[in-house]
Amino acid sequence: MKNSLIFTSKLISEGLKVEFNKDGCKVNNVHGTIVAEARKEKNLYLLHVNVRKEDAILTKFSNEGATLWHQRLGHLNMVSLKKLEKMVNGMNLKEVPLHHVCEACIENKHQRTFS
């Protein structure tokens, strides 16, 4: 989530509680457990989130194929998918076909003619 913005209203609408003070803020879940903390630097709150393994979505799908990940990640190309696998924990692809043919990708990249 480097260089991303998080909206307080979205956190609150998801049932989280956000508490601000002069040094930063804390985000609590419905049980009162702190799920994230932010420190204030200048006029920005820099959020630090600890993701527990049981909460990470990737751990639930670690044995599924590259084609399914290609679809889940918005039809990400296979070269980038292979790079992504090295950057994250829990994404263990057995084989990533570099010359994968996806009908949806072909149809969307095909130049359309308008009459």
Foldseek 3Di string as FASTA:
>chain_A
DPPDDDDPVVLVVVQWDWDADPFWIFIAHNVRHTQWTFGDDDHDTHIDGDDDPVRDPLQVCQADAPVVVCVVVPNDQQVVVVVVCVVDPNNHHPDGDNPDDDPVVCVVPDDDDDD
